């Protein structure tokens, strides 16, 4: 999940992430969903969760 988050921080799309770590697109979506849960990013907010996840990653 950290590798996925790092690739998200580089601006990679889900497809590009899947190719980089050699997994399916569905696996990437599952990793991203887990990342959102672990970072306590609520579903369906007005904010873009992917951007918020990257910002939290960059803070660490």
C-alpha atoms as a PDB file:
ATOM      1  CA  UNK A   1       0.000   0.000   0.000  1.00  0.00           C
ATOM      2  CA  UNK A   2       2.884   2.386   0.677  1.00  0.00           C
ATOM      3  CA  UNK A   3       4.226   1.766  -2.807  1.00  0.00           C
ATOM      4  CA  UNK A   4       0.792   2.447  -4.282  1.00  0.00           C
ATOM      5  CA  UNK A   5       0.516   5.650  -2.260  1.00  0.00           C
ATOM      6  CA  UNK A   6       3.992   6.732  -3.361  1.00  0.00           C
ATOM      7  CA  UNK A   7       3.023   6.175  -6.999  1.00  0.00           C
ATOM      8  CA  UNK A   8      -0.194   8.126  -6.417  1.00  0.00           C
ATOM      9  CA  UNK A   9       1.975  10.963  -5.093  1.00  0.00           C
ATOM     10  CA  UNK A  10       3.881  10.872  -8.390  1.00  0.00           C
ATOM     11  CA  UNK A  11       0.581  11.490 -10.176  1.00  0.00           C
ATOM     12  CA  UNK A  12       0.256   7.994 -11.623  1.00  0.00           C
ATOM     13  CA  UNK A  13      -3.140   6.734 -12.748  1.00  0.00           C
ATOM     14  CA  UNK A  14      -4.515   3.446 -11.449  1.00  0.00           C
ATOM     15  CA  UNK A  15      -3.544   1.755 -14.726  1.00  0.00           C
ATOM     16  CA  UNK A  16       0.003   3.118 -14.527  1.00  0.00           C
ATOM     17  CA  UNK A  17       0.278   1.952 -10.917  1.00  0.00           C
ATOM     18  CA  UNK A  18      -0.940  -1.522 -11.898  1.00  0.00           C
ATOM     19  CA  UNK A  19       1.682  -1.730 -14.636  1.00  0.00           C
ATOM     20  CA  UNK A  20       4.444  -0.451 -12.339  1.00  0.00           C
ATOM     21  CA  UNK A  21       3.828  -3.005  -9.590  1.00  0.00           C
ATOM     22  CA  UNK A  22       2.585  -5.758 -11.915  1.00  0.00           C
ATOM     23  CA  UNK A  23      -0.892  -6.285 -10.481  1.00  0.00           C
ATOM     24  CA  UNK A  24      -4.412  -5.976 -11.846  1.00  0.00           C
ATOM     25  CA  UNK A  25      -6.361  -2.740 -11.875  1.00  0.00           C
ATOM     26  CA  UNK A  26      -8.733  -4.298  -9.358  1.00  0.00           C
ATOM     27  CA  UNK A  27      -5.853  -4.955  -6.983  1.00  0.00           C
ATOM     28  CA  UNK A  28      -4.804  -1.309  -7.230  1.00  0.00           C
ATOM     29  CA  UNK A  29      -8.360  -0.185  -6.474  1.00  0.00           C
ATOM     30  CA  UNK A  30      -8.411  -2.471  -3.413  1.00  0.00           C
ATOM     31  CA  UNK A  31      -5.092  -1.051  -2.186  1.00  0.00           C
ATOM     32  CA  UNK A  32      -6.376   2.502  -2.657  1.00  0.00           C
ATOM     33  CA  UNK A  33      -9.591   1.665  -0.822  1.00  0.00           C
ATOM     34  CA  UNK A  34      -7.525   0.282   2.077  1.00  0.00           C
ATOM     35  CA  UNK A  35      -5.364   3.412   2.063  1.00  0.00           C
ATOM     36  CA  UNK A  36      -8.450   5.624   2.320  1.00  0.00           C
ATOM     37  CA  UNK A  37      -9.750   3.541   5.237  1.00  0.00           C
ATOM     38  CA  UNK A  38      -6.429   3.606   7.092  1.00  0.00           C
ATOM     39  CA  UNK A  39      -6.151   7.370   6.647  1.00  0.00           C
ATOM     40  CA  UNK A  40      -9.733   7.829   7.906  1.00  0.00           C
ATOM     41  CA  UNK A  41     -10.809   9.507   4.680  1.00  0.00           C
ATOM     42  CA  UNK A  42     -14.597   9.343   4.665  1.00  0.00           C
ATOM     43  CA  UNK A  43     -16.403   8.264   1.510  1.00  0.00           C
ATOM     44  CA  UNK A  44     -18.384  10.769  -0.542  1.00  0.00           C
ATOM     45  CA  UNK A  45     -17.030  14.000   0.892  1.00  0.00           C
ATOM     46  CA  UNK A  46     -16.689  17.214  -1.040  1.00  0.00           C
ATOM     47  CA  UNK A  47     -12.902  16.802  -0.963  1.00  0.00           C
ATOM     48  CA  UNK A  48     -10.959  14.645  -3.367  1.00  0.00           C
ATOM     49  CA  UNK A  49      -9.828  11.656  -1.292  1.00  0.00           C
ATOM     50  CA  UNK A  50      -6.937  10.782  -3.590  1.00  0.00           C
ATOM     51  CA  UNK A  51      -5.440  14.257  -3.139  1.00  0.00           C
ATOM     52  CA  UNK A  52      -6.010  14.145   0.621  1.00  0.00           C
ATOM     53  CA  UNK A  53      -4.289  10.748   0.819  1.00  0.00           C
ATOM     54  CA  UNK A  54      -1.267  12.068  -1.070  1.00  0.00           C
ATOM     55  CA  UNK A  55      -1.098  15.151   1.157  1.00  0.00           C
ATOM     56  CA  UNK A  56      -1.087  12.973   4.270  1.00  0.00           C
ATOM     57  CA  UNK A  57       1.610  10.785   2.714  1.00  0.00           C
ATOM     58  CA  UNK A  58       3.760  13.826   1.998  1.00  0.00           C
ATOM     59  CA  UNK A  59       3.373  15.038   5.595  1.00  0.00           C
ATOM     60  CA  UNK A  60       5.074  11.893   6.917  1.00  0.00           C
END
